[in-house]
Amino acid sequence: MIDLRVVREDPDAVRQSQRTRGEDPSLVDALLEADAARRAAVSAADNLRAEHKAFGKKIGKASPEERPELLATASALAARVKEAEAAQNAADAALDTAHRAISNIVQEGAPAGGEDDFVTLETIGEIPTIENPKDHLELGEALGIIDMERGAKVSGARFYFLTGYGALLQLGLLQLAAQKAVSNGFTMVIPPVLVRPEIMAGTGFLGAHSSEIYHLDDDDLYLVGTSEVPLAGYHSGEILDLNGGPKRYAGWSSCFRREAGSYGKDTRGIIRVHQFDKVEMFVYTRPEDADAEHQRLLGWEKEMLAAVELPYRVIDTAGGDLGSSAARKFDCEAWLPTQNTYRELTSTSNCTTFQARRLGVRYRDENGKPQTAATLNGTLATTRWISAILENHQQPDGSVRIPEALVPFVGTDVLRPPATTRP
């Protein structure tokens, strides 16, 4: 949730953020009204409780003749207190609903608009010249490392098997990411992939995109679409010691997404699938340090892309394409030769205090007073990267060169069709 004090003190800034996102600015007015109604309800309940308490003292001093009338009045006051407390509870609930309806405040400098209104910040690497390039699925099937047909037979559309060197390629990518994370001070975590509703809601994923999340009705648990979710909940309800700097975690997990509404868009191969693996960076820090940490996360993502020798661009995502919890998001998009365009491989988001406020994650400032922490996240490697590696490193004979950094994990420097490679 956004800071309610900001809404009270500068509602125009919040309305402008809503416009930048393409969302309803009148929700700000609804929140202000709910806030005023809640404060009035609290005041009314407090006054009645005080009156009831004072009246109780009067009864204790009353004569036997006066007590029946006073007791009747006290009983009526108690009923009014109960009604006022019920009204306060209703006002609390209405305020919470109005508060959660507003997305994080978009950071100044982020572009307005939708998915196509991003700003390109830099373009890195040379686009390869490939005559008649094959797409990653055609390559993967010829190399015997991707099996979509059997994936669909076993689990349905958009599931797949990675076999042989395909499995080793994914494991190598994730292991390289894990090594990079640890070398930069991250604690590696293998988190649960099923979370409670309050954790999923706390990260901001049960809003407009809730249809993309798998829910187990019998258990009331959600399958995560990113390790960001369990890592955000890891310190929920805690006060952290951030005196030594940010707390950095890297989660390695399988991820699950329904990909609702994406039919016909990147549905061939393993770009948009229902299950994939990912190493995700997650950081808790002081709000004043969040922008600098955001740039560090982007820097580590760029180092990974350089290690696997991919041409890519960095974009500043427009407000209308931000998740509800993000105030700013930078994506790294790799070149896909067969699509003649760039496709997202990583994203890193500064969620400021939005998630931590929902989840009750705090730290102590220099005066020892608890304050709301800031959270950030960023992708360090995921299954989707295989598509860009295969397409960009394909060779005329149908083989694919393995980037040098991945050779120790994969066990070969070139992938060749099964007829010409060892089993």
Protein backbone atom coordinates (compact mmCIF):
# COMPACT_ATOMS: atom_id res chain seq x y z
CA MET A 1 0.00 0.00 0.00
CA ILE A 2 1.10 3.56 -0.55
CA ASP A 3 1.80 5.85 2.41
CA LEU A 4 -1.52 7.33 3.52
CA ARG A 5 0.26 10.49 4.67
CA VAL A 6 1.34 11.16 1.08
CA VAL A 7 -2.27 10.89 -0.08
CA ARG A 8 -3.39 13.37 2.58
CA GLU A 9 -0.56 15.84 1.97
CA ASP A 10 -0.22 15.65 -1.83
CA PRO A 11 -3.27 14.00 -3.41
CA ASP A 12 -2.53 15.62 -6.78
CA ALA A 13 0.75 13.69 -7.03
CA VAL A 14 -1.14 10.44 -6.44
CA ARG A 15 -3.80 11.39 -8.99
CA GLN A 16 -1.05 12.10 -11.53
CA SER A 17 0.50 8.70 -10.79
CA GLN A 18 -2.86 7.07 -11.48
CA ARG A 19 -3.06 8.90 -14.83
CA THR A 20 0.50 7.83 -15.71
CA ARG A 21 -0.59 4.23 -15.13
CA GLY A 22 -3.80 4.70 -17.10
CA GLU A 23 -5.77 4.03 -13.93
CA ASP A 24 -8.66 5.89 -12.31
CA PRO A 25 -7.59 9.08 -10.45
CA SER A 26 -10.97 9.27 -8.71
CA LEU A 27 -9.83 6.36 -6.54
CA VAL A 28 -7.70 8.92 -4.71
CA ASP A 29 -10.81 10.88 -3.74
CA ALA A 30 -12.53 7.68 -2.66
CA LEU A 31 -9.54 6.92 -0.42
CA LEU A 32 -9.58 10.40 1.10
CA GLU A 33 -13.29 10.07 1.82
CA ALA A 34 -12.77 6.64 3.39
CA ASP A 35 -9.91 8.03 5.46
CA ALA A 36 -12.05 10.95 6.72
CA ALA A 37 -14.94 8.60 7.50
CA ARG A 38 -12.67 6.24 9.39
CA ARG A 39 -11.15 9.05 11.48
CA ALA A 40 -14.65 10.33 12.30
CA ALA A 41 -15.74 6.82 13.30
CA VAL A 42 -12.69 6.39 15.55
CA SER A 43 -13.32 9.76 17.20
CA ALA A 44 -17.00 8.95 17.80
CA ALA A 45 -16.18 5.55 19.30
CA ASP A 46 -13.43 7.02 21.50
CA ASN A 47 -15.76 9.74 22.82
CA LEU A 48 -18.51 7.25 23.61
CA ARG A 49 -16.08 4.91 25.37
CA ALA A 50 -14.82 7.80 27.47
CA GLU A 51 -18.37 8.87 28.30
CA HIS A 52 -19.29 5.30 29.26
CA LYS A 53 -16.23 4.97 31.47
CA ALA A 54 -16.96 8.27 33.23
CA PHE A 55 -20.58 7.28 33.74
CA GLY A 56 -19.43 4.04 35.38
CA LYS A 57 -17.60 6.06 38.00
CA LYS A 58 -20.74 8.08 38.65
CA ILE A 59 -22.68 4.87 39.33
CA GLY A 60 -20.16 3.86 41.96
CA LYS A 61 -20.79 7.06 43.88
CA ALA A 62 -24.59 7.08 43.49
CA SER A 63 -27.08 6.41 46.23
CA PRO A 64 -29.25 3.24 46.11
CA GLU A 65 -32.20 5.31 44.98
CA GLU A 66 -30.26 6.81 42.03
CA ARG A 67 -28.64 3.59 40.84
CA PRO A 68 -31.51 2.00 38.85
CA GLU A 69 -31.90 5.03 36.59
CA LEU A 70 -28.12 5.40 36.19
CA LEU A 71 -27.74 1.71 35.37
CA ALA A 72 -30.38 2.00 32.67
CA THR A 73 -28.56 4.97 31.18
CA ALA A 74 -25.24 3.09 31.36
CA SER A 75 -26.80 0.15 29.56
CA ALA A 76 -28.03 2.42 26.78
CA LEU A 77 -24.54 3.99 26.56
CA ALA A 78 -22.96 0.53 26.32
CA ALA A 79 -25.25 -0.28 23.40
CA ARG A 80 -24.21 2.95 21.66
CA VAL A 81 -20.53 2.10 22.26
CA LYS A 82 -21.08 -1.29 20.67
CA GLU A 83 -22.74 0.32 17.65
CA ALA A 84 -19.92 2.87 17.36
CA GLU A 85 -17.30 0.13 17.50
CA ALA A 86 -19.13 -1.79 14.77
CA ALA A 87 -19.19 1.40 12.68
CA GLN A 88 -15.47 1.84 13.31
CA ASN A 89 -14.76 -1.73 12.18
CA ALA A 90 -16.78 -1.14 9.01
CA ALA A 91 -14.91 2.11 8.40
CA ASP A 92 -11.59 0.32 8.91
CA ALA A 93 -12.57 -2.29 6.33
CA ALA A 94 -13.76 0.35 3.85
CA LEU A 95 -10.49 2.27 4.27
CA ASP A 96 -8.43 -0.88 3.73
CA THR A 97 -10.35 -1.68 0.54
CA ALA A 98 -9.95 1.87 -0.80
CA HIS A 99 -6.28 1.89 0.18
CA ARG A 100 -5.49 -1.39 -1.58
CA ALA A 101 -7.26 -0.22 -4.74
CA ILE A 102 -4.49 2.28 -5.48
CA SER A 103 -1.26 1.08 -7.08
CA ASN A 104 2.17 2.25 -6.02
CA ILE A 105 3.07 5.83 -6.88
CA VAL A 106 4.99 5.88 -10.16
CA GLN A 107 8.45 7.32 -9.70
CA GLU A 108 9.14 10.71 -11.23
CA GLY A 109 10.85 10.29 -14.59
CA ALA A 110 9.11 7.07 -15.57
CA PRO A 111 7.34 7.39 -18.94
CA ALA A 112 3.57 7.51 -19.14
CA GLY A 113 1.52 5.25 -21.39
CA GLY A 114 1.17 1.55 -22.04
CA GLU A 115 3.20 -1.44 -23.16
CA ASP A 116 4.57 0.27 -26.29
CA ASP A 117 5.44 3.59 -24.64
CA PHE A 118 8.71 2.53 -23.01
CA VAL A 119 11.93 4.55 -23.37
CA THR A 120 15.08 2.79 -24.58
CA LEU A 121 17.93 3.68 -22.22
CA GLU A 122 20.76 1.81 -23.99
CA THR A 123 21.42 -0.86 -26.60
CA ILE A 124 24.29 -3.27 -25.98
CA GLY A 125 26.01 -5.82 -28.21
CA GLU A 126 26.03 -6.44 -31.94
CA ILE A 127 23.01 -8.03 -33.59
CA PRO A 128 24.29 -11.17 -35.35
CA THR A 129 23.98 -11.56 -39.10
CA ILE A 130 22.26 -14.91 -39.64
CA GLU A 131 21.03 -16.01 -43.03
CA ASN A 132 17.65 -17.76 -42.83
CA PRO A 133 17.69 -18.12 -39.04
CA LYS A 134 15.76 -20.93 -37.39
CA ASP A 135 13.66 -20.19 -34.33
CA HIS A 136 14.52 -21.63 -30.94
CA LEU A 137 11.89 -24.36 -31.10
CA GLU A 138 13.00 -25.64 -34.51
CA LEU A 139 16.58 -25.63 -33.25
CA GLY A 140 15.66 -27.21 -29.92
CA GLU A 141 13.70 -30.03 -31.55
CA ALA A 142 16.45 -30.72 -34.09
CA LEU A 143 19.03 -30.81 -31.30
CA GLY A 144 16.83 -33.10 -29.21
CA ILE A 145 16.76 -30.75 -26.22
CA ILE A 146 13.17 -29.38 -26.26
CA ASP A 147 10.11 -31.63 -26.52
CA MET A 148 6.87 -29.65 -26.68
CA GLU A 149 4.83 -32.52 -28.16
CA ARG A 150 5.36 -34.80 -25.18
CA GLY A 151 4.96 -31.87 -22.81
CA ALA A 152 1.49 -31.28 -24.25
CA LYS A 153 0.72 -35.03 -24.11
CA VAL A 154 1.60 -35.18 -20.42
CA SER A 155 0.41 -31.79 -19.15
CA GLY A 156 -1.36 -29.85 -21.91
CA ALA A 157 -0.51 -26.85 -24.06
CA ARG A 158 2.50 -24.71 -23.12
CA PHE A 159 4.23 -27.40 -21.12
CA TYR A 160 7.47 -28.98 -22.30
CA PHE A 161 10.33 -31.32 -21.52
CA LEU A 162 13.94 -30.10 -21.51
CA THR A 163 16.05 -33.16 -22.19
CA GLY A 164 19.76 -33.99 -22.34
CA TYR A 165 21.77 -30.88 -23.02
CA GLY A 166 18.59 -28.80 -22.78
CA ALA A 167 18.24 -29.73 -19.13
CA LEU A 168 21.96 -29.11 -18.56
CA LEU A 169 21.70 -25.74 -20.31
CA GLN A 170 18.94 -24.60 -17.96
CA LEU A 171 20.74 -25.90 -14.89
CA GLY A 172 23.92 -24.19 -16.06
CA LEU A 173 22.16 -20.86 -16.52
CA LEU A 174 20.65 -21.02 -13.05
CA GLN A 175 23.90 -22.20 -11.46
CA LEU A 176 25.82 -19.34 -13.10
CA ALA A 177 23.19 -16.93 -11.79
CA ALA A 178 23.43 -18.44 -8.31
CA GLN A 179 27.22 -18.08 -8.31
CA LYS A 180 26.96 -14.45 -9.43
CA ALA A 181 24.38 -13.73 -6.73
CA VAL A 182 26.48 -15.28 -3.95
CA SER A 183 29.61 -13.46 -5.10
CA ASN A 184 27.69 -10.18 -4.77
CA GLY A 185 26.54 -10.81 -1.21
CA PHE A 186 23.18 -12.50 -1.79
CA THR A 187 21.98 -15.35 0.40
CA MET A 188 20.77 -18.24 -1.77
CA VAL A 189 17.28 -19.50 -0.91
CA ILE A 190 15.14 -22.34 -2.23
CA PRO A 191 11.70 -21.14 -1.09
CA PRO A 192 8.30 -22.83 -0.98
CA VAL A 193 6.32 -22.39 -4.19
CA LEU A 194 2.92 -22.48 -2.45
CA VAL A 195 1.99 -19.44 -0.35
CA ARG A 196 -0.91 -18.25 1.76
CA PRO A 197 -3.39 -15.67 0.38
CA GLU A 198 -2.14 -12.90 2.68
CA ILE A 199 1.40 -13.28 1.32
CA MET A 200 0.25 -13.27 -2.31
CA ALA A 201 -1.96 -10.24 -1.63
CA GLY A 202 0.81 -8.52 0.29
CA THR A 203 3.09 -8.53 -2.73
CA GLY A 204 0.38 -6.99 -4.91
CA PHE A 205 -0.32 -9.96 -7.20
CA LEU A 206 -4.02 -10.40 -6.43
CA GLY A 207 -5.13 -7.28 -8.26
CA ALA A 208 -5.65 -6.83 -11.99
CA HIS A 209 -3.48 -9.85 -12.86
CA SER A 210 -4.91 -12.34 -10.39
CA SER A 211 -6.27 -14.39 -13.30
CA GLU A 212 -2.69 -15.41 -14.13
CA ILE A 213 -2.19 -17.15 -10.78
CA TYR A 214 -2.92 -20.80 -10.06
CA HIS A 215 -4.98 -21.33 -6.88
CA LEU A 216 -5.48 -24.60 -4.99
CA ASP A 217 -9.03 -24.24 -3.73
CA ASP A 218 -8.95 -27.17 -1.30
CA ASP A 219 -5.89 -25.79 0.49
CA ASP A 220 -6.40 -22.06 -0.12
CA LEU A 221 -2.83 -21.76 -1.33
CA TYR A 222 -1.38 -20.07 -4.42
CA LEU A 223 1.36 -21.33 -6.72
CA VAL A 224 3.94 -18.58 -7.12
CA GLY A 225 4.83 -17.02 -10.46
CA THR A 226 8.14 -15.77 -9.03
CA SER A 227 10.30 -16.27 -5.93
CA GLU A 228 9.61 -12.59 -5.24
CA VAL A 229 6.41 -13.68 -3.48
CA PRO A 230 7.79 -16.05 -0.82
CA LEU A 231 10.88 -13.88 -0.36
CA ALA A 232 8.68 -10.84 0.27
CA GLY A 233 6.83 -12.85 2.89
CA TYR A 234 10.03 -14.22 4.46
CA HIS A 235 10.36 -11.29 6.87
CA SER A 236 6.67 -10.36 7.10
CA GLY A 237 5.75 -8.97 10.51
CA GLU A 238 9.41 -8.50 11.47
CA ILE A 239 11.68 -5.57 12.34
CA LEU A 240 14.96 -5.95 10.44
CA ASP A 241 18.45 -4.80 11.28
CA LEU A 242 19.57 -2.86 8.20
CA ASN A 243 22.44 -1.03 9.91
CA GLY A 244 24.90 -3.20 8.01
CA GLY A 245 23.24 -2.49 4.66
CA PRO A 246 20.50 -4.13 2.58
CA LYS A 247 19.39 -7.73 3.10
CA ARG A 248 19.81 -9.50 -0.25
CA TYR A 249 18.31 -12.87 -1.13
CA ALA A 250 18.34 -14.89 -4.35
CA GLY A 251 15.51 -17.38 -4.75
CA TRP A 252 15.81 -20.43 -7.02
CA SER A 253 12.42 -21.95 -7.75
CA SER A 254 10.00 -23.32 -10.27
CA CYS A 255 7.39 -20.72 -11.21
CA PHE A 256 3.83 -21.13 -12.47
CA ARG A 257 1.70 -18.75 -14.55
CA ARG A 258 -1.59 -19.27 -16.30
CA GLU A 259 -0.63 -16.65 -18.93
CA ALA A 260 -4.28 -15.66 -19.20
CA GLY A 261 -5.01 -13.39 -22.13
CA SER A 262 -1.72 -14.05 -23.95
CA TYR A 263 -3.10 -16.40 -26.60
CA GLY A 264 -1.39 -15.85 -29.93
CA LYS A 265 1.45 -13.85 -28.36
CA ASP A 266 4.83 -15.63 -28.13
CA THR A 267 3.02 -18.91 -27.59
CA ARG A 268 5.37 -20.94 -29.80
CA GLY A 269 8.13 -22.70 -27.93
CA ILE A 270 9.28 -21.82 -24.41
CA ILE A 271 8.93 -18.03 -24.35
CA ARG A 272 5.50 -17.99 -22.67
CA VAL A 273 4.84 -21.20 -20.78
CA HIS A 274 2.95 -22.27 -17.69
CA GLN A 275 5.97 -23.58 -15.77
CA PHE A 276 9.58 -22.42 -15.78
CA ASP A 277 12.56 -22.09 -13.45
CA LYS A 278 14.11 -18.83 -12.33
CA VAL A 279 16.70 -17.25 -10.06
CA GLU A 280 15.20 -14.06 -8.64
CA MET A 281 17.00 -11.39 -6.63
CA PHE A 282 15.08 -9.80 -3.75
CA VAL A 283 16.24 -6.98 -1.51
CA TYR A 284 15.08 -5.30 1.70
CA THR A 285 16.61 -1.86 2.22
CA ARG A 286 16.05 1.60 3.65
CA PRO A 287 13.80 3.70 1.37
CA GLU A 288 16.49 6.34 0.85
CA ASP A 289 18.84 3.64 -0.52
CA ALA A 290 16.32 2.00 -2.86
CA ASP A 291 17.18 3.94 -6.05
CA ALA A 292 20.88 3.12 -5.78
CA GLU A 293 20.05 -0.53 -5.08
CA HIS A 294 17.79 -0.57 -8.13
CA GLN A 295 20.74 0.42 -10.31
CA ARG A 296 22.86 -2.32 -8.72
CA LEU A 297 20.23 -4.95 -9.54
CA LEU A 298 20.14 -3.73 -13.14
CA GLY A 299 23.93 -3.88 -13.26
CA TRP A 300 23.98 -7.52 -12.11
CA GLU A 301 21.37 -8.42 -14.72
CA LYS A 302 23.52 -6.79 -17.42
CA GLU A 303 26.55 -8.76 -16.25
CA MET A 304 24.61 -12.01 -16.65
CA LEU A 305 23.50 -11.09 -20.16
CA ALA A 306 27.08 -10.23 -21.07
CA ALA A 307 28.23 -13.61 -19.68
CA VAL A 308 25.93 -15.48 -22.07
CA GLU A 309 26.92 -13.17 -24.94
CA LEU A 310 23.52 -11.82 -25.92
CA PRO A 311 22.74 -8.51 -27.66
CA TYR A 312 20.08 -6.63 -25.73
CA ARG A 313 18.53 -3.30 -24.87
CA VAL A 314 17.53 -1.75 -21.55
CA ILE A 315 14.14 -0.06 -21.39
CA ASP A 316 12.41 2.16 -18.85
CA THR A 317 8.94 0.62 -18.63
CA ALA A 318 5.94 2.94 -19.01
CA GLY A 319 3.56 3.49 -16.11
CA GLY A 320 0.72 1.58 -17.71
CA ASP A 321 2.88 -1.53 -18.02
CA LEU A 322 4.04 -1.57 -14.39
CA GLY A 323 2.75 -4.09 -11.90
CA SER A 324 0.68 -2.56 -9.12
CA SER A 325 3.54 -2.82 -6.61
CA ALA A 326 6.29 -1.29 -8.78
CA ALA A 327 7.15 2.41 -8.75
CA ARG A 328 9.79 1.98 -11.50
CA LYS A 329 10.85 -0.96 -13.64
CA PHE A 330 13.74 -1.52 -16.01
CA ASP A 331 13.62 -4.44 -18.46
CA CYS A 332 16.49 -6.03 -20.37
CA GLU A 333 15.26 -7.37 -23.71
CA ALA A 334 17.41 -9.70 -25.82
CA TRP A 335 17.40 -9.76 -29.59
CA LEU A 336 15.53 -12.68 -31.19
CA PRO A 337 16.69 -13.05 -34.82
CA THR A 338 13.58 -14.89 -36.09
CA GLN A 339 11.26 -12.26 -34.63
CA ASN A 340 13.49 -9.40 -35.76
CA THR A 341 12.87 -7.66 -32.45
CA TYR A 342 13.74 -7.66 -28.77
CA ARG A 343 11.98 -9.80 -26.14
CA GLU A 344 12.11 -9.38 -22.37
CA LEU A 345 14.54 -11.61 -20.49
CA THR A 346 14.88 -9.73 -17.22
CA SER A 347 13.08 -7.07 -15.26
CA THR A 348 13.98 -5.27 -12.06
CA SER A 349 11.44 -3.32 -10.02
CA ASN A 350 11.71 -0.79 -7.21
CA CYS A 351 8.60 -1.40 -5.09
CA THR A 352 9.55 1.31 -2.55
CA THR A 353 7.55 0.73 0.67
CA PHE A 354 4.44 -0.65 -1.06
CA GLN A 355 4.92 -4.36 -0.34
CA ALA A 356 6.62 -3.93 3.04
CA ARG A 357 3.74 -1.77 4.32
CA ARG A 358 1.25 -4.50 3.41
CA LEU A 359 3.41 -7.23 4.92
CA GLY A 360 4.50 -5.34 8.03
CA VAL A 361 8.25 -5.38 7.29
CA ARG A 362 10.09 -2.64 9.18
CA TYR A 363 13.57 -1.58 10.29
CA ARG A 364 14.84 0.74 13.02
CA ASP A 365 16.09 4.17 12.03
CA GLU A 366 19.03 5.96 13.67
CA ASN A 367 16.78 6.91 16.57
CA GLY A 368 15.62 3.35 17.09
CA LYS A 369 12.14 4.09 15.76
CA PRO A 370 10.51 1.44 13.52
CA GLN A 371 10.05 2.56 9.90
CA THR A 372 8.66 0.78 6.83
CA ALA A 373 11.36 -0.87 4.69
CA ALA A 374 11.63 -0.75 0.91
CA THR A 375 11.74 -3.86 -1.31
CA LEU A 376 13.18 -4.48 -4.76
CA ASN A 377 13.38 -7.48 -7.08
CA GLY A 378 15.12 -8.51 -10.27
CA THR A 379 15.50 -11.54 -12.55
CA LEU A 380 18.97 -13.06 -12.82
CA ALA A 381 18.18 -16.02 -15.09
CA THR A 382 15.15 -17.97 -16.28
CA THR A 383 14.16 -20.71 -18.72
CA ARG A 384 13.19 -18.14 -21.35
CA TRP A 385 16.88 -17.26 -21.81
CA ILE A 386 17.37 -20.57 -23.65
CA SER A 387 15.33 -19.25 -26.57
CA ALA A 388 17.66 -16.26 -27.04
CA ILE A 389 20.82 -18.34 -26.57
CA LEU A 390 19.78 -20.87 -29.21
CA GLU A 391 18.72 -18.28 -31.77
CA ASN A 392 21.67 -15.91 -31.39
CA HIS A 393 24.35 -18.62 -31.26
CA GLN A 394 23.04 -20.86 -34.05
CA GLN A 395 25.45 -21.81 -36.83
CA PRO A 396 24.84 -22.56 -40.52
CA ASP A 397 25.13 -26.35 -40.04
CA GLY A 398 22.28 -26.39 -37.49
CA SER A 399 24.56 -26.58 -34.46
CA VAL A 400 24.51 -24.04 -31.61
CA ARG A 401 27.58 -22.60 -29.92
CA ILE A 402 27.45 -22.61 -26.11
CA PRO A 403 28.64 -19.34 -24.49
CA GLU A 404 32.02 -19.84 -22.83
CA ALA A 405 30.66 -19.08 -19.33
CA LEU A 406 28.19 -21.98 -19.63
CA VAL A 407 30.52 -24.60 -21.11
CA PRO A 408 31.68 -25.96 -17.70
CA PHE A 409 28.04 -26.55 -16.71
CA VAL A 410 26.78 -27.95 -20.01
CA GLY A 411 29.85 -30.12 -20.69
CA THR A 412 30.29 -29.19 -24.35
CA ASP A 413 31.01 -26.05 -26.34
CA VAL A 414 28.72 -26.92 -29.27
CA LEU A 415 25.28 -28.55 -29.43
CA ARG A 416 24.75 -30.72 -32.51
CA PRO A 417 21.79 -32.78 -33.72
CA PRO A 418 21.69 -36.24 -32.10
CA ALA A 419 22.99 -38.02 -35.19
CA THR A 420 26.36 -36.30 -34.80
CA THR A 421 26.71 -36.07 -31.03
CA ARG A 422 27.19 -38.53 -28.23
CA PRO A 423 23.99 -39.72 -26.43
